[in-house]
Amino acid sequence: MLPPEQHKAYCNFYDAVRNQEHLDARTTVLIGLAAAMARECRP
């Protein structure tokens, strides 16, 4: 799917977002839901 370099960058970003240091749990869940809906995924 992603080249190794991009996969590592994505994982670093994902871990930083999930850290809850900057965003609370509710906001993180809502962002994930919005991203899934934007990609036309079904919950």
PDB file of N, CA and C in Angstrom:
ATOM      1  N   MET A   1       0.822  -1.186   0.000  1.00  0.00           N
ATOM      2  CA  MET A   1       0.000   0.000   0.000  1.00  0.00           C
ATOM      3  C   MET A   1       0.866   1.249   0.000  1.00  0.00           C
ATOM      4  N   LEU A   2       1.568   1.519   1.093  1.00  0.00           N
ATOM      5  CA  LEU A   2       2.438   2.689   1.152  1.00  0.00           C
ATOM      6  C   LEU A   2       3.895   2.232   1.119  1.00  0.00           C
ATOM      7  N   PRO A   3       4.738   3.016   0.471  1.00  0.00           N
ATOM      8  CA  PRO A   3       6.168   2.726   0.563  1.00  0.00           C
ATOM      9  C   PRO A   3       6.611   2.821   2.029  1.00  0.00           C
ATOM     10  N   PRO A   4       7.655   2.099   2.424  1.00  0.00           N
ATOM     11  CA  PRO A   4       8.080   2.061   3.824  1.00  0.00           C
ATOM     12  C   PRO A   4       8.298   3.448   4.447  1.00  0.00           C
ATOM     13  N   GLU A   5       8.849   4.372   3.702  1.00  0.00           N
ATOM     14  CA  GLU A   5       9.114   5.711   4.242  1.00  0.00           C
ATOM     15  C   GLU A   5       7.809   6.454   4.565  1.00  0.00           C
ATOM     16  N   GLN A   6       6.835   6.358   3.676  1.00  0.00           N
ATOM     17  CA  GLN A   6       5.546   7.006   3.913  1.00  0.00           C
ATOM     18  C   GLN A   6       4.769   6.301   5.028  1.00  0.00           C
ATOM     19  N   HIS A   7       4.886   4.985   5.093  1.00  0.00           N
ATOM     20  CA  HIS A   7       4.220   4.242   6.159  1.00  0.00           C
ATOM     21  C   HIS A   7       4.750   4.661   7.521  1.00  0.00           C
ATOM     22  N   LYS A   8       6.049   4.803   7.631  1.00  0.00           N
ATOM     23  CA  LYS A   8       6.654   5.242   8.899  1.00  0.00           C
ATOM     24  C   LYS A   8       6.181   6.644   9.262  1.00  0.00           C
ATOM     25  N   ALA A   9       6.123   7.544   8.293  1.00  0.00           N
ATOM     26  CA  ALA A   9       5.653   8.913   8.550  1.00  0.00           C
ATOM     27  C   ALA A   9       4.200   8.896   9.004  1.00  0.00           C
ATOM     28  N   TYR A  10       3.372   8.078   8.365  1.00  0.00           N
ATOM     29  CA  TYR A  10       1.971   7.985   8.753  1.00  0.00           C
ATOM     30  C   TYR A  10       1.841   7.436  10.170  1.00  0.00           C
ATOM     31  N   CYS A  11       2.600   6.403  10.489  1.00  0.00           N
ATOM     32  CA  CYS A  11       2.536   5.809  11.835  1.00  0.00           C
ATOM     33  C   CYS A  11       2.955   6.826  12.894  1.00  0.00           C
ATOM     34  N   ASN A  12       3.971   7.608  12.619  1.00  0.00           N
ATOM     35  CA  ASN A  12       4.392   8.642  13.559  1.00  0.00           C
ATOM     36  C   ASN A  12       3.286   9.675  13.763  1.00  0.00           C
ATOM     37  N   PHE A  13       2.639  10.075  12.673  1.00  0.00           N
ATOM     38  CA  PHE A  13       1.532  11.015  12.753  1.00  0.00           C
ATOM     39  C   PHE A  13       0.370  10.415  13.546  1.00  0.00           C
ATOM     40  N   TYR A  14       0.013   9.186  13.231  1.00  0.00           N
ATOM     41  CA  TYR A  14      -1.099   8.512  13.903  1.00  0.00           C
ATOM     42  C   TYR A  14      -0.844   8.407  15.403  1.00  0.00           C
ATOM     43  N   ASP A  15       0.361   8.003  15.771  1.00  0.00           N
ATOM     44  CA  ASP A  15       0.705   7.884  17.193  1.00  0.00           C
ATOM     45  C   ASP A  15       0.635   9.235  17.893  1.00  0.00           C
ATOM     46  N   ALA A  16       1.061  10.290  17.222  1.00  0.00           N
ATOM     47  CA  ALA A  16       1.023  11.628  17.811  1.00  0.00           C
ATOM     48  C   ALA A  16      -0.412  12.095  18.028  1.00  0.00           C
ATOM     49  N   VAL A  17      -1.285  11.793  17.091  1.00  0.00           N
ATOM     50  CA  VAL A  17      -2.683  12.203  17.209  1.00  0.00           C
ATOM     51  C   VAL A  17      -3.383  11.412  18.316  1.00  0.00           C
ATOM     52  N   ARG A  18      -3.096  10.132  18.409  1.00  0.00           N
ATOM     53  CA  ARG A  18      -3.748   9.265  19.396  1.00  0.00           C
ATOM     54  C   ARG A  18      -3.215   9.488  20.810  1.00  0.00           C
ATOM     55  N   ASN A  19      -2.188  10.274  20.969  1.00  0.00           N
ATOM     56  CA  ASN A  19      -1.526  10.509  22.254  1.00  0.00           C
ATOM     57  C   ASN A  19      -2.423  11.191  23.282  1.00  0.00           C
ATOM     58  N   GLN A  20      -3.453  11.872  22.875  1.00  0.00           N
ATOM     59  CA  GLN A  20      -4.385  12.613  23.725  1.00  0.00           C
ATOM     60  C   GLN A  20      -3.701  13.726  24.513  1.00  0.00           C
ATOM     61  N   GLU A  21      -2.509  14.071  24.121  1.00  0.00           N
ATOM     62  CA  GLU A  21      -1.834  15.212  24.739  1.00  0.00           C
ATOM     63  C   GLU A  21      -2.409  16.517  24.189  1.00  0.00           C
ATOM     64  N   HIS A  22      -2.823  16.473  22.932  1.00  0.00           N
ATOM     65  CA  HIS A  22      -3.329  17.674  22.282  1.00  0.00           C
ATOM     66  C   HIS A  22      -4.842  17.647  22.086  1.00  0.00           C
ATOM     67  N   LEU A  23      -5.391  16.448  21.881  1.00  0.00           N
ATOM     68  CA  LEU A  23      -6.826  16.306  21.658  1.00  0.00           C
ATOM     69  C   LEU A  23      -7.407  15.338  22.679  1.00  0.00           C
ATOM     70  N   ASP A  24      -8.607  15.628  23.140  1.00  0.00           N
ATOM     71  CA  ASP A  24      -9.242  14.696  24.075  1.00  0.00           C
ATOM     72  C   ASP A  24      -9.792  13.494  23.300  1.00  0.00           C
ATOM     73  N   ALA A  25     -10.185  12.459  24.037  1.00  0.00           N
ATOM     74  CA  ALA A  25     -10.634  11.209  23.415  1.00  0.00           C
ATOM     75  C   ALA A  25     -11.850  11.425  22.515  1.00  0.00           C
ATOM     76  N   ARG A  26     -12.795  12.230  22.947  1.00  0.00           N
ATOM     77  CA  ARG A  26     -14.007  12.473  22.151  1.00  0.00           C
ATOM     78  C   ARG A  26     -13.653  13.104  20.810  1.00  0.00           C
ATOM     79  N   THR A  27     -12.787  14.093  20.808  1.00  0.00           N
ATOM     80  CA  THR A  27     -12.399  14.765  19.570  1.00  0.00           C
ATOM     81  C   THR A  27     -11.684  13.796  18.644  1.00  0.00           C
ATOM     82  N   THR A  28     -10.819  12.954  19.197  1.00  0.00           N
ATOM     83  CA  THR A  28     -10.097  11.968  18.396  1.00  0.00           C
ATOM     84  C   THR A  28     -11.074  11.009  17.713  1.00  0.00           C
ATOM     85  N   VAL A  29     -12.081  10.542  18.449  1.00  0.00           N
ATOM     86  CA  VAL A  29     -13.076   9.631  17.884  1.00  0.00           C
ATOM     87  C   VAL A  29     -13.878  10.337  16.788  1.00  0.00           C
ATOM     88  N   LEU A  30     -14.270  11.571  17.020  1.00  0.00           N
ATOM     89  CA  LEU A  30     -15.040  12.302  16.017  1.00  0.00           C
ATOM     90  C   LEU A  30     -14.231  12.540  14.743  1.00  0.00           C
ATOM     91  N   ILE A  31     -12.957  12.817  14.875  1.00  0.00           N
ATOM     92  CA  ILE A  31     -12.100  12.995  13.699  1.00  0.00           C
ATOM     93  C   ILE A  31     -12.003  11.685  12.927  1.00  0.00           C
ATOM     94  N   GLY A  32     -11.828  10.584  13.646  1.00  0.00           N
ATOM     95  CA  GLY A  32     -11.767   9.278  12.983  1.00  0.00           C
ATOM     96  C   GLY A  32     -13.057   8.946  12.260  1.00  0.00           C
ATOM     97  N   LEU A  33     -14.180   9.246  12.880  1.00  0.00           N
ATOM     98  CA  LEU A  33     -15.474   9.006  12.255  1.00  0.00           C
ATOM     99  C   LEU A  33     -15.643   9.867  11.009  1.00  0.00           C
ATOM    100  N   ALA A  34     -15.261  11.128  11.103  1.00  0.00           N
ATOM    101  CA  ALA A  34     -15.366  12.026   9.947  1.00  0.00           C
ATOM    102  C   ALA A  34     -14.464  11.546   8.809  1.00  0.00           C
ATOM    103  N   ALA A  35     -13.269  11.088   9.132  1.00  0.00           N
ATOM    104  CA  ALA A  35     -12.360  10.593   8.095  1.00  0.00           C
ATOM    105  C   ALA A  35     -12.934   9.351   7.433  1.00  0.00           C
ATOM    106  N   ALA A  36     -13.506   8.452   8.239  1.00  0.00           N
ATOM    107  CA  ALA A  36     -14.111   7.242   7.677  1.00  0.00           C
ATOM    108  C   ALA A  36     -15.283   7.599   6.763  1.00  0.00           C
ATOM    109  N   MET A  37     -16.095   8.551   7.183  1.00  0.00           N
ATOM    110  CA  MET A  37     -17.234   8.962   6.365  1.00  0.00           C
ATOM    111  C   MET A  37     -16.766   9.638   5.069  1.00  0.00           C
ATOM    112  N   ALA A  38     -15.695  10.407   5.152  1.00  0.00           N
ATOM    113  CA  ALA A  38     -15.161  11.072   3.968  1.00  0.00           C
ATOM    114  C   ALA A  38     -14.638  10.051   2.957  1.00  0.00           C
ATOM    115  N   ARG A  39     -14.143   8.918   3.473  1.00  0.00           N
ATOM    116  CA  ARG A  39     -13.651   7.850   2.602  1.00  0.00           C
ATOM    117  C   ARG A  39     -14.748   6.877   2.207  1.00  0.00           C
ATOM    118  N   GLU A  40     -15.994   7.216   2.591  1.00  0.00           N
ATOM    119  CA  GLU A  40     -17.175   6.425   2.290  1.00  0.00           C
ATOM    120  C   GLU A  40     -17.117   5.033   2.906  1.00  0.00           C
ATOM    121  N   CYS A  41     -16.518   4.936   4.100  1.00  0.00           N
ATOM    122  CA  CYS A  41     -16.512   3.681   4.852  1.00  0.00           C
ATOM    123  C   CYS A  41     -17.788   3.628   5.692  1.00  0.00           C
ATOM    124  N   ARG A  42     -18.227   2.448   5.986  1.00  0.00           N
ATOM    125  CA  ARG A  42     -19.405   2.291   6.833  1.00  0.00           C
ATOM    126  C   ARG A  42     -18.955   1.909   8.232  1.00  0.00           C
ATOM    127  N   PRO A  43     -19.501   2.562   9.254  1.00  0.00           N
ATOM    128  CA  PRO A  43     -19.110   2.215  10.631  1.00  0.00           C
ATOM    129  C   PRO A  43     -19.580   0.832  11.036  1.00  0.00           C
TER     130      PRO A  43
END
